[in-house]
Amino acid sequence: MTGYGQNSVQLATGAKVHVELRSVNSRFLDIAFRLPEELRSTEAAMRQAITQALRRGKVDCRAVFEAPQTAMPLPDAAAAAPILAAESALRALAPHLAPLSVGEVLRFIGSAQEQHADAAEIARCTAQALDQALAALLQARATEGDRLRAILLDRMDQIAQHAERARAIVPLAVERQQARFTARWEEALRALTGVETSAETLQDRRLQEAASFAIRIDVAEELDRLQAHLQTLRDLLAQGGELGKRLDFLIQELHREANTLGSKSAALELSEISLELKVLIEQMREQVQNIE
């Protein structure tokens, strides 16, 4: 499922940790990290937190550590004295060394006075930023889940309508087959001169052929199972939670029933319905791949 979440947390030193999470569709959970050196030690904890919150998706986790913005330190004779003394000692040993510039002295002073964030504080602030980014990501995924649920329910309604059409077509197909058999039987009798067949015999044979045909195209079991799977799908979608794998299985079962319906379809209308069912079920399968 797709989604995006981000958040920033400021440390006591003025530094800031910024975490971004992006998620795209995937059948499995795949997490990729882009972390600076300052946050490299937090990767294991971040991976564990994401794994506990998500089950599917290709997740890109990007974190940034922003150092505090400090003003250029003012010249301080006490702070500069050790640096200048060290410069004098080095130049006495190596006269060819270039003297320090004012900017270099100020940078040395700033580096010596710089506050370094504690590793524990960095880990705590990173976890806090990640938790809030995860909450935003989950909210975005939940919104997409509502949209996917609406799509699946629409496809399921269409499948149910086609199944009812198929149930109504079977008796009509049997009647048409019976009429075709009677016409062919009578035509064959007319071609045979001197052969007499009683009306009772003709009726018995016609009923036998109709019964045999009805058995061959009987799809009542398949349609009943199809409706049962649809009801289970509706119940699962209403229940919510982690459904991806169970939905995968039910989609496979729907496809199996549609295939059986197609293999039994001695009537053109049933073949067309089977094809429509397969198209709708495939559309559902594509969406289910994105559901956690």
C-alpha atoms as a PDB file:
ATOM      1  CA  MET A   1       0.000   0.000   0.000  1.00  0.00           C
ATOM      2  CA  THR A   2       1.197   3.491  -0.738  1.00  0.00           C
ATOM      3  CA  GLY A   3       1.652   6.254   1.795  1.00  0.00           C
ATOM      4  CA  TYR A   4       3.919   9.000   3.094  1.00  0.00           C
ATOM      5  CA  GLY A   5       4.819  10.259   6.550  1.00  0.00           C
ATOM      6  CA  GLN A   6       7.456  12.591   7.957  1.00  0.00           C
ATOM      7  CA  ASN A   7       8.386  14.332  11.179  1.00  0.00           C
ATOM      8  CA  SER A   8      11.227  16.299  12.798  1.00  0.00           C
ATOM      9  CA  VAL A   9      12.424  16.374  16.412  1.00  0.00           C
ATOM     10  CA  GLN A  10      14.885  18.896  17.845  1.00  0.00           C
ATOM     11  CA  LEU A  11      17.613  17.893  20.281  1.00  0.00           C
ATOM     12  CA  ALA A  12      18.694  19.883  23.337  1.00  0.00           C
ATOM     13  CA  THR A  13      21.822  21.011  21.479  1.00  0.00           C
ATOM     14  CA  GLY A  14      19.718  22.608  18.747  1.00  0.00           C
ATOM     15  CA  ALA A  15      20.411  19.815  16.251  1.00  0.00           C
ATOM     16  CA  LYS A  16      17.424  18.285  14.467  1.00  0.00           C
ATOM     17  CA  VAL A  17      16.499  14.768  13.339  1.00  0.00           C
ATOM     18  CA  HIS A  18      14.164  14.554  10.334  1.00  0.00           C
ATOM     19  CA  VAL A  19      12.605  11.222   9.285  1.00  0.00           C
ATOM     20  CA  GLU A  20      10.669  10.538   6.056  1.00  0.00           C
ATOM     21  CA  LEU A  21       8.845   7.312   5.208  1.00  0.00           C
ATOM     22  CA  ARG A  22       7.554   6.424   1.742  1.00  0.00           C
ATOM     23  CA  SER A  23       5.647   3.231   1.007  1.00  0.00           C
ATOM     24  CA  VAL A  24       4.687   1.688  -2.343  1.00  0.00           C
ATOM     25  CA  ASN A  25       2.891  -1.538  -3.179  1.00  0.00           C
ATOM     26  CA  SER A  26       4.635  -4.869  -2.657  1.00  0.00           C
ATOM     27  CA  ARG A  27       3.500  -8.365  -1.667  1.00  0.00           C
ATOM     28  CA  PHE A  28       6.199  -8.507   1.012  1.00  0.00           C
ATOM     29  CA  LEU A  29       7.830  -6.048   3.415  1.00  0.00           C
ATOM     30  CA  ASP A  30      11.027  -4.579   1.976  1.00  0.00           C
ATOM     31  CA  ILE A  31      12.716  -1.759   3.935  1.00  0.00           C
ATOM     32  CA  ALA A  32      15.518   0.403   2.528  1.00  0.00           C
ATOM     33  CA  PHE A  33      17.377   2.951   4.695  1.00  0.00           C
ATOM     34  CA  ARG A  34      19.227   6.131   3.778  1.00  0.00           C
ATOM     35  CA  LEU A  35      20.905   7.362   6.950  1.00  0.00           C
ATOM     36  CA  PRO A  36      23.758   9.766   7.705  1.00  0.00           C
ATOM     37  CA  GLU A  37      26.677   8.629   9.841  1.00  0.00           C
ATOM     38  CA  GLU A  38      25.228  10.351  12.914  1.00  0.00           C
ATOM     39  CA  LEU A  39      22.151   8.090  12.764  1.00  0.00           C
ATOM     40  CA  ARG A  40      23.708   4.882  11.497  1.00  0.00           C
ATOM     41  CA  SER A  41      23.603   3.317  14.978  1.00  0.00           C
ATOM     42  CA  THR A  42      19.801   3.701  15.110  1.00  0.00           C
ATOM     43  CA  GLU A  43      19.087   1.570  12.012  1.00  0.00           C
ATOM     44  CA  ALA A  44      18.405  -1.684  13.897  1.00  0.00           C
ATOM     45  CA  ALA A  45      15.882  -0.033  16.232  1.00  0.00           C
ATOM     46  CA  MET A  46      14.206   1.758  13.320  1.00  0.00           C
ATOM     47  CA  ARG A  47      13.935  -1.482  11.332  1.00  0.00           C
ATOM     48  CA  GLN A  48      12.335  -3.234  14.305  1.00  0.00           C
ATOM     49  CA  ALA A  49       9.796  -0.428  14.786  1.00  0.00           C
ATOM     50  CA  ILE A  50       8.814  -0.444  11.095  1.00  0.00           C
ATOM     51  CA  THR A  51       8.560  -4.253  11.016  1.00  0.00           C
ATOM     52  CA  GLN A  52       6.210  -4.222  14.006  1.00  0.00           C
ATOM     53  CA  ALA A  53       3.974  -1.590  12.388  1.00  0.00           C
ATOM     54  CA  LEU A  54       3.856  -2.855   8.772  1.00  0.00           C
ATOM     55  CA  ARG A  55       3.462  -6.233   7.080  1.00  0.00           C
ATOM     56  CA  ARG A  56       3.601  -5.369   3.384  1.00  0.00           C
ATOM     57  CA  GLY A  57       5.052  -2.707   1.141  1.00  0.00           C
ATOM     58  CA  LYS A  58       8.350  -1.455  -0.204  1.00  0.00           C
ATOM     59  CA  VAL A  59       9.315   1.145   2.398  1.00  0.00           C
ATOM     60  CA  ASP A  60      11.961   3.819   1.869  1.00  0.00           C
ATOM     61  CA  CYS A  61      13.173   5.328   5.155  1.00  0.00           C
ATOM     62  CA  ARG A  62      15.223   8.493   4.825  1.00  0.00           C
ATOM     63  CA  ALA A  63      16.618  10.320   7.858  1.00  0.00           C
ATOM     64  CA  VAL A  64      18.607  13.567   8.072  1.00  0.00           C
ATOM     65  CA  PHE A  65      20.667  14.918  10.966  1.00  0.00           C
ATOM     66  CA  GLU A  66      20.870  18.705  10.865  1.00  0.00           C
ATOM     67  CA  ALA A  67      23.645  20.227  13.005  1.00  0.00           C
ATOM     68  CA  PRO A  68      22.709  23.321  15.015  1.00  0.00           C
ATOM     69  CA  GLN A  69      23.170  26.657  13.302  1.00  0.00           C
ATOM     70  CA  THR A  70      25.710  28.533  15.426  1.00  0.00           C
ATOM     71  CA  ALA A  71      26.953  32.066  14.918  1.00  0.00           C
ATOM     72  CA  MET A  72      30.619  32.708  14.203  1.00  0.00           C
ATOM     73  CA  PRO A  73      32.344  32.991  17.616  1.00  0.00           C
ATOM     74  CA  LEU A  74      33.735  36.391  18.559  1.00  0.00           C
ATOM     75  CA  PRO A  75      37.491  36.645  19.036  1.00  0.00           C
ATOM     76  CA  ASP A  76      38.443  35.480  22.522  1.00  0.00           C
ATOM     77  CA  ALA A  77      42.018  35.954  23.649  1.00  0.00           C
ATOM     78  CA  ALA A  78      41.769  33.216  26.282  1.00  0.00           C
ATOM     79  CA  ALA A  79      40.372  30.702  23.779  1.00  0.00           C
ATOM     80  CA  ALA A  80      42.769  31.744  21.031  1.00  0.00           C
ATOM     81  CA  ALA A  81      45.925  31.683  23.221  1.00  0.00           C
ATOM     82  CA  PRO A  82      46.434  27.867  23.167  1.00  0.00           C
ATOM     83  CA  ILE A  83      45.898  27.790  19.391  1.00  0.00           C
ATOM     84  CA  LEU A  84      48.389  30.603  18.778  1.00  0.00           C
ATOM     85  CA  ALA A  85      50.908  29.017  21.164  1.00  0.00           C
ATOM     86  CA  ALA A  86      50.638  25.728  19.298  1.00  0.00           C
ATOM     87  CA  GLU A  87      51.130  27.586  16.005  1.00  0.00           C
ATOM     88  CA  SER A  88      54.294  29.286  17.313  1.00  0.00           C
ATOM     89  CA  ALA A  89      55.721  25.968  18.508  1.00  0.00           C
ATOM     90  CA  LEU A  90      55.064  24.286  15.174  1.00  0.00           C
ATOM     91  CA  ARG A  91      56.532  27.153  13.142  1.00  0.00           C
ATOM     92  CA  ALA A  92      59.655  27.064  15.321  1.00  0.00           C
ATOM     93  CA  LEU A  93      60.113  23.456  14.256  1.00  0.00           C
ATOM     94  CA  ALA A  94      59.019  24.027  10.665  1.00  0.00           C
ATOM     95  CA  PRO A  95      59.481  27.661   9.588  1.00  0.00           C
ATOM     96  CA  HIS A  96      58.086  26.914   6.127  1.00  0.00           C
ATOM     97  CA  LEU A  97      54.533  26.456   7.532  1.00  0.00           C
ATOM     98  CA  ALA A  98      52.091  29.227   6.619  1.00  0.00           C
ATOM     99  CA  PRO A  99      50.671  31.252   9.504  1.00  0.00           C
ATOM    100  CA  LEU A 100      47.061  30.686  10.536  1.00  0.00           C
ATOM    101  CA  SER A 101      44.465  33.093   9.199  1.00  0.00           C
ATOM    102  CA  VAL A 102      41.852  34.769  11.378  1.00  0.00           C
ATOM    103  CA  GLY A 103      39.132  32.534   9.880  1.00  0.00           C
ATOM    104  CA  GLU A 104      41.087  29.395  10.704  1.00  0.00           C
ATOM    105  CA  VAL A 105      41.585  30.495  14.293  1.00  0.00           C
ATOM    106  CA  LEU A 106      37.859  31.213  14.642  1.00  0.00           C
ATOM    107  CA  ARG A 107      36.977  27.791  13.229  1.00  0.00           C
ATOM    108  CA  PHE A 108      39.299  26.108  15.727  1.00  0.00           C
ATOM    109  CA  ILE A 109      37.682  28.069  18.552  1.00  0.00           C
ATOM    110  CA  GLY A 110      34.179  27.084  17.355  1.00  0.00           C
ATOM    111  CA  SER A 111      35.154  23.432  17.046  1.00  0.00           C
ATOM    112  CA  ALA A 112      36.532  23.394  20.578  1.00  0.00           C
ATOM    113  CA  GLN A 113      33.377  25.030  21.975  1.00  0.00           C
ATOM    114  CA  GLU A 114      30.896  22.927  19.898  1.00  0.00           C
ATOM    115  CA  GLN A 115      28.347  20.944  21.851  1.00  0.00           C
ATOM    116  CA  HIS A 116      28.085  17.301  20.864  1.00  0.00           C
ATOM    117  CA  ALA A 117      24.740  15.530  21.233  1.00  0.00           C
ATOM    118  CA  ASP A 118      24.638  12.473  23.438  1.00  0.00           C
ATOM    119  CA  ALA A 119      24.156   9.170  21.552  1.00  0.00           C
ATOM    120  CA  ALA A 120      21.257   8.227  23.818  1.00  0.00           C
ATOM    121  CA  GLU A 121      19.512  11.519  23.090  1.00  0.00           C
ATOM    122  CA  ILE A 122      20.010  11.035  19.348  1.00  0.00           C
ATOM    123  CA  ALA A 123      18.480   7.542  19.588  1.00  0.00           C
ATOM    124  CA  ARG A 124      15.539   8.824  21.647  1.00  0.00           C
ATOM    125  CA  CYS A 125      14.771  11.726  19.306  1.00  0.00           C
ATOM    126  CA  THR A 126      15.155   9.518  16.240  1.00  0.00           C
ATOM    127  CA  ALA A 127      12.690   6.997  17.699  1.00  0.00           C
ATOM    128  CA  GLN A 128      10.247   9.814  18.466  1.00  0.00           C
ATOM    129  CA  ALA A 129      10.491  11.223  14.934  1.00  0.00           C
ATOM    130  CA  LEU A 130      10.072   7.735  13.464  1.00  0.00           C
ATOM    131  CA  ASP A 131       7.002   6.966  15.592  1.00  0.00           C
ATOM    132  CA  GLN A 132       5.244  10.128  14.438  1.00  0.00           C
ATOM    133  CA  ALA A 133       6.247   9.544  10.806  1.00  0.00           C
ATOM    134  CA  LEU A 134       4.900   5.989  11.082  1.00  0.00           C
ATOM    135  CA  ALA A 135       1.605   7.285  12.462  1.00  0.00           C
ATOM    136  CA  ALA A 136       1.257   9.614   9.458  1.00  0.00           C
ATOM    137  CA  LEU A 137       2.184   6.790   7.068  1.00  0.00           C
ATOM    138  CA  LEU A 138      -0.365   4.431   8.633  1.00  0.00           C
ATOM    139  CA  GLN A 139      -3.056   7.081   8.345  1.00  0.00           C
ATOM    140  CA  ALA A 140      -2.264   7.536   4.648  1.00  0.00           C
ATOM    141  CA  ARG A 141      -2.360   3.764   4.118  1.00  0.00           C
ATOM    142  CA  ALA A 142      -5.670   3.536   5.972  1.00  0.00           C
ATOM    143  CA  THR A 143      -7.137   6.153   3.638  1.00  0.00           C
ATOM    144  CA  GLU A 144      -5.970   4.130   0.650  1.00  0.00           C
ATOM    145  CA  GLY A 145      -7.368   0.989   2.298  1.00  0.00           C
ATOM    146  CA  ASP A 146     -10.830   2.574   2.420  1.00  0.00           C
ATOM    147  CA  ARG A 147     -10.560   3.346  -1.289  1.00  0.00           C
ATOM    148  CA  LEU A 148      -9.461  -0.215  -2.099  1.00  0.00           C
ATOM    149  CA  ARG A 149     -12.302  -1.630   0.015  1.00  0.00           C
ATOM    150  CA  ALA A 150     -14.817   0.353  -2.034  1.00  0.00           C
ATOM    151  CA  ILE A 151     -13.285  -0.956  -5.274  1.00  0.00           C
ATOM    152  CA  LEU A 152     -13.389  -4.571  -4.080  1.00  0.00           C
ATOM    153  CA  LEU A 153     -17.006  -4.307  -2.911  1.00  0.00           C
ATOM    154  CA  ASP A 154     -18.002  -2.875  -6.284  1.00  0.00           C
ATOM    155  CA  ARG A 155     -16.322  -5.774  -8.138  1.00  0.00           C
ATOM    156  CA  MET A 156     -17.935  -8.269  -5.769  1.00  0.00           C
ATOM    157  CA  ASP A 157     -21.376  -6.821  -6.459  1.00  0.00           C
ATOM    158  CA  GLN A 158     -20.777  -7.204 -10.182  1.00  0.00           C
ATOM    159  CA  ILE A 159     -19.621 -10.813  -9.702  1.00  0.00           C
ATOM    160  CA  ALA A 160     -22.771 -11.579  -7.690  1.00  0.00           C
ATOM    161  CA  GLN A 161     -24.944 -10.107 -10.454  1.00  0.00           C
ATOM    162  CA  HIS A 162     -23.232 -12.239 -13.119  1.00  0.00           C
ATOM    163  CA  ALA A 163     -23.648 -15.332 -10.922  1.00  0.00           C
ATOM    164  CA  GLU A 164     -27.401 -14.724 -10.667  1.00  0.00           C
ATOM    165  CA  ARG A 165     -27.568 -14.298 -14.434  1.00  0.00           C
ATOM    166  CA  ALA A 166     -25.821 -17.649 -14.868  1.00  0.00           C
ATOM    167  CA  ARG A 167     -28.243 -19.319 -12.440  1.00  0.00           C
ATOM    168  CA  ALA A 168     -31.205 -18.050 -14.492  1.00  0.00           C
ATOM    169  CA  ILE A 169     -29.652 -19.036 -17.837  1.00  0.00           C
ATOM    170  CA  VAL A 170     -29.212 -22.756 -17.050  1.00  0.00           C
ATOM    171  CA  PRO A 171     -32.939 -23.747 -17.264  1.00  0.00           C
ATOM    172  CA  LEU A 172     -33.353 -21.742 -20.454  1.00  0.00           C
ATOM    173  CA  ALA A 173     -30.317 -23.454 -21.966  1.00  0.00           C
ATOM    174  CA  VAL A 174     -31.791 -26.869 -21.112  1.00  0.00           C
ATOM    175  CA  GLU A 175     -35.092 -25.934 -22.788  1.00  0.00           C
ATOM    176  CA  ARG A 176     -33.296 -24.758 -25.939  1.00  0.00           C
ATOM    177  CA  GLN A 177     -31.264 -27.976 -26.050  1.00  0.00           C
ATOM    178  CA  GLN A 178     -34.445 -30.025 -25.663  1.00  0.00           C
ATOM    179  CA  ALA A 179     -36.089 -28.155 -28.542  1.00  0.00           C
ATOM    180  CA  ARG A 180     -33.007 -28.618 -30.734  1.00  0.00           C
ATOM    181  CA  PHE A 181     -32.909 -32.347 -29.996  1.00  0.00           C
ATOM    182  CA  THR A 182     -36.623 -32.738 -30.804  1.00  0.00           C
ATOM    183  CA  ALA A 183     -36.213 -30.907 -34.127  1.00  0.00           C
ATOM    184  CA  ARG A 184     -33.218 -33.025 -35.120  1.00  0.00           C
ATOM    185  CA  TRP A 185     -34.906 -36.238 -34.021  1.00  0.00           C
ATOM    186  CA  GLU A 186     -38.007 -35.494 -36.073  1.00  0.00           C
ATOM    187  CA  GLU A 187     -35.874 -34.528 -39.057  1.00  0.00           C
ATOM    188  CA  ALA A 188     -34.029 -37.831 -38.809  1.00  0.00           C
ATOM    189  CA  LEU A 189     -37.287 -39.731 -38.630  1.00  0.00           C
ATOM    190  CA  ARG A 190     -38.609 -38.032 -41.740  1.00  0.00           C
ATOM    191  CA  ALA A 191     -35.494 -39.097 -43.574  1.00  0.00           C
ATOM    192  CA  LEU A 192     -36.159 -42.716 -42.711  1.00  0.00           C
ATOM    193  CA  THR A 193     -39.208 -43.916 -44.688  1.00  0.00           C
ATOM    194  CA  GLY A 194     -41.301 -46.618 -43.154  1.00  0.00           C
ATOM    195  CA  VAL A 195     -39.986 -46.106 -39.610  1.00  0.00           C
ATOM    196  CA  GLU A 196     -42.596 -45.377 -37.022  1.00  0.00           C
ATOM    197  CA  THR A 197     -41.803 -44.025 -33.554  1.00  0.00           C
ATOM    198  CA  SER A 198     -44.435 -43.541 -30.946  1.00  0.00           C
ATOM    199  CA  ALA A 199     -44.942 -40.175 -29.276  1.00  0.00           C
ATOM    200  CA  GLU A 200     -44.157 -41.829 -25.938  1.00  0.00           C
ATOM    201  CA  THR A 201     -40.775 -43.076 -27.163  1.00  0.00           C
ATOM    202  CA  LEU A 202     -39.972 -39.683 -28.583  1.00  0.00           C
ATOM    203  CA  GLN A 203     -40.880 -37.997 -25.302  1.00  0.00           C
ATOM    204  CA  ASP A 204     -38.770 -40.427 -23.251  1.00  0.00           C
ATOM    205  CA  ARG A 205     -35.723 -39.925 -25.450  1.00  0.00           C
ATOM    206  CA  ARG A 206     -36.185 -36.172 -25.360  1.00  0.00           C
ATOM    207  CA  LEU A 207     -36.316 -36.192 -21.560  1.00  0.00           C
ATOM    208  CA  GLN A 208     -33.196 -38.374 -21.398  1.00  0.00           C
ATOM    209  CA  GLU A 209     -31.255 -36.026 -23.626  1.00  0.00           C
ATOM    210  CA  ALA A 210     -32.426 -32.976 -21.690  1.00  0.00           C
ATOM    211  CA  ALA A 211     -31.494 -34.594 -18.373  1.00  0.00           C
ATOM    212  CA  SER A 212     -28.057 -35.557 -19.677  1.00  0.00           C
ATOM    213  CA  PHE A 213     -27.476 -32.048 -20.953  1.00  0.00           C
ATOM    214  CA  ALA A 214     -28.700 -30.502 -17.700  1.00  0.00           C
ATOM    215  CA  ILE A 215     -26.237 -32.610 -15.723  1.00  0.00           C
ATOM    216  CA  ARG A 216     -23.358 -31.593 -17.980  1.00  0.00           C
ATOM    217  CA  ILE A 217     -24.019 -27.864 -17.579  1.00  0.00           C
ATOM    218  CA  ASP A 218     -25.170 -27.918 -13.951  1.00  0.00           C
ATOM    219  CA  VAL A 219     -23.203 -25.145 -12.256  1.00  0.00           C
ATOM    220  CA  ALA A 220     -25.319 -24.786  -9.122  1.00  0.00           C
ATOM    221  CA  GLU A 221     -22.492 -25.978  -6.855  1.00  0.00           C
ATOM    222  CA  GLU A 222     -19.995 -23.590  -8.414  1.00  0.00           C
ATOM    223  CA  LEU A 223     -22.395 -20.664  -8.098  1.00  0.00           C
ATOM    224  CA  ASP A 224     -23.176 -21.546  -4.470  1.00  0.00           C
ATOM    225  CA  ARG A 225     -19.468 -21.691  -3.615  1.00  0.00           C
ATOM    226  CA  LEU A 226     -18.925 -18.440  -5.490  1.00  0.00           C
ATOM    227  CA  GLN A 227     -21.587 -16.717  -3.411  1.00  0.00           C
ATOM    228  CA  ALA A 228     -20.125 -18.217  -0.199  1.00  0.00           C
ATOM    229  CA  HIS A 229     -16.653 -16.893  -1.032  1.00  0.00           C
ATOM    230  CA  LEU A 230     -18.116 -13.460  -1.777  1.00  0.00           C
ATOM    231  CA  GLN A 231     -19.870 -13.408   1.600  1.00  0.00           C
ATOM    232  CA  THR A 232     -16.636 -14.394   3.356  1.00  0.00           C
ATOM    233  CA  LEU A 233     -14.841 -11.585   1.543  1.00  0.00           C
ATOM    234  CA  ARG A 234     -17.488  -9.088   2.663  1.00  0.00           C
ATOM    235  CA  ASP A 235     -17.187 -10.284   6.255  1.00  0.00           C
ATOM    236  CA  LEU A 236     -13.394  -9.943   6.186  1.00  0.00           C
ATOM    237  CA  LEU A 237     -13.524  -6.443   4.714  1.00  0.00           C
ATOM    238  CA  ALA A 238     -16.035  -5.401   7.371  1.00  0.00           C
ATOM    239  CA  GLN A 239     -13.864  -6.945  10.073  1.00  0.00           C
ATOM    240  CA  GLY A 240     -10.670  -5.128   8.989  1.00  0.00           C
ATOM    241  CA  GLY A 241      -7.215  -5.855  10.348  1.00  0.00           C
ATOM    242  CA  GLU A 242      -4.477  -7.818   8.616  1.00  0.00           C
ATOM    243  CA  LEU A 243      -6.274  -9.477   5.683  1.00  0.00           C
ATOM    244  CA  GLY A 244      -3.851  -9.667   2.775  1.00  0.00           C
ATOM    245  CA  LYS A 245      -3.038 -13.389   2.832  1.00  0.00           C
ATOM    246  CA  ARG A 246      -6.624 -14.504   3.481  1.00  0.00           C
ATOM    247  CA  LEU A 247      -7.870 -12.295   0.671  1.00  0.00           C
ATOM    248  CA  ASP A 248      -5.235 -13.807  -1.628  1.00  0.00           C
ATOM    249  CA  PHE A 249      -6.551 -17.301  -0.884  1.00  0.00           C
ATOM    250  CA  LEU A 250     -10.205 -16.356  -1.454  1.00  0.00           C
ATOM    251  CA  ILE A 251      -9.364 -14.695  -4.765  1.00  0.00           C
ATOM    252  CA  GLN A 252      -7.743 -17.954  -5.877  1.00  0.00           C
ATOM    253  CA  GLU A 253     -10.909 -19.834  -4.918  1.00  0.00           C
ATOM    254  CA  LEU A 254     -13.085 -17.379  -6.859  1.00  0.00           C
ATOM    255  CA  HIS A 255     -10.884 -17.893  -9.909  1.00  0.00           C
ATOM    256  CA  ARG A 256     -11.182 -21.672  -9.541  1.00  0.00           C
ATOM    257  CA  GLU A 257     -14.983 -21.497  -9.555  1.00  0.00           C
ATOM    258  CA  ALA A 258     -14.990 -19.174 -12.579  1.00  0.00           C
ATOM    259  CA  ASN A 259     -12.743 -21.623 -14.458  1.00  0.00           C
ATOM    260  CA  THR A 260     -15.047 -24.538 -13.631  1.00  0.00           C
ATOM    261  CA  LEU A 261     -18.033 -22.522 -14.760  1.00  0.00           C
ATOM    262  CA  GLY A 262     -16.276 -21.872 -18.069  1.00  0.00           C
ATOM    263  CA  SER A 263     -15.375 -25.545 -18.580  1.00  0.00           C
ATOM    264  CA  LYS A 264     -19.010 -26.601 -18.061  1.00  0.00           C
ATOM    265  CA  SER A 265     -20.519 -23.876 -20.213  1.00  0.00           C
ATOM    266  CA  ALA A 266     -22.194 -25.594 -23.150  1.00  0.00           C
ATOM    267  CA  ALA A 267     -24.145 -22.376 -23.673  1.00  0.00           C
ATOM    268  CA  LEU A 268     -22.611 -19.244 -25.187  1.00  0.00           C
ATOM    269  CA  GLU A 269     -24.119 -17.047 -22.484  1.00  0.00           C
ATOM    270  CA  LEU A 270     -22.402 -19.047 -19.732  1.00  0.00           C
ATOM    271  CA  SER A 271     -19.074 -18.785 -21.553  1.00  0.00           C
ATOM    272  CA  GLU A 272     -19.469 -15.027 -21.721  1.00  0.00           C
ATOM    273  CA  ILE A 273     -20.359 -14.850 -18.030  1.00  0.00           C
ATOM    274  CA  SER A 274     -17.326 -16.961 -17.141  1.00  0.00           C
ATOM    275  CA  LEU A 275     -15.117 -14.572 -19.075  1.00  0.00           C
ATOM    276  CA  GLU A 276     -16.651 -11.546 -17.342  1.00  0.00           C
ATOM    277  CA  LEU A 277     -16.113 -13.200 -13.967  1.00  0.00           C
ATOM    278  CA  LYS A 278     -12.440 -13.834 -14.719  1.00  0.00           C
ATOM    279  CA  VAL A 279     -11.905 -10.196 -15.706  1.00  0.00           C
ATOM    280  CA  LEU A 280     -13.521  -8.940 -12.486  1.00  0.00           C
ATOM    281  CA  ILE A 281     -11.631 -11.448 -10.328  1.00  0.00           C
ATOM    282  CA  GLU A 282      -8.334 -10.474 -11.937  1.00  0.00           C
ATOM    283  CA  GLN A 283      -9.082  -6.828 -11.172  1.00  0.00           C
ATOM    284  CA  MET A 284      -9.689  -7.835  -7.565  1.00  0.00           C
ATOM    285  CA  ARG A 285      -6.455  -9.818  -7.476  1.00  0.00           C
ATOM    286  CA  GLU A 286      -4.464  -6.748  -8.567  1.00  0.00           C
ATOM    287  CA  GLN A 287      -6.000  -4.697  -5.764  1.00  0.00           C
ATOM    288  CA  VAL A 288      -5.607  -7.422  -3.121  1.00  0.00           C
ATOM    289  CA  GLN A 289      -1.862  -7.481  -3.831  1.00  0.00           C
ATOM    290  CA  ASN A 290      -1.778  -3.988  -2.304  1.00  0.00           C
ATOM    291  CA  ILE A 291      -3.721  -4.785   0.872  1.00  0.00           C
ATOM    292  CA  GLU A 292      -1.923  -5.564   4.092  1.00  0.00           C
END
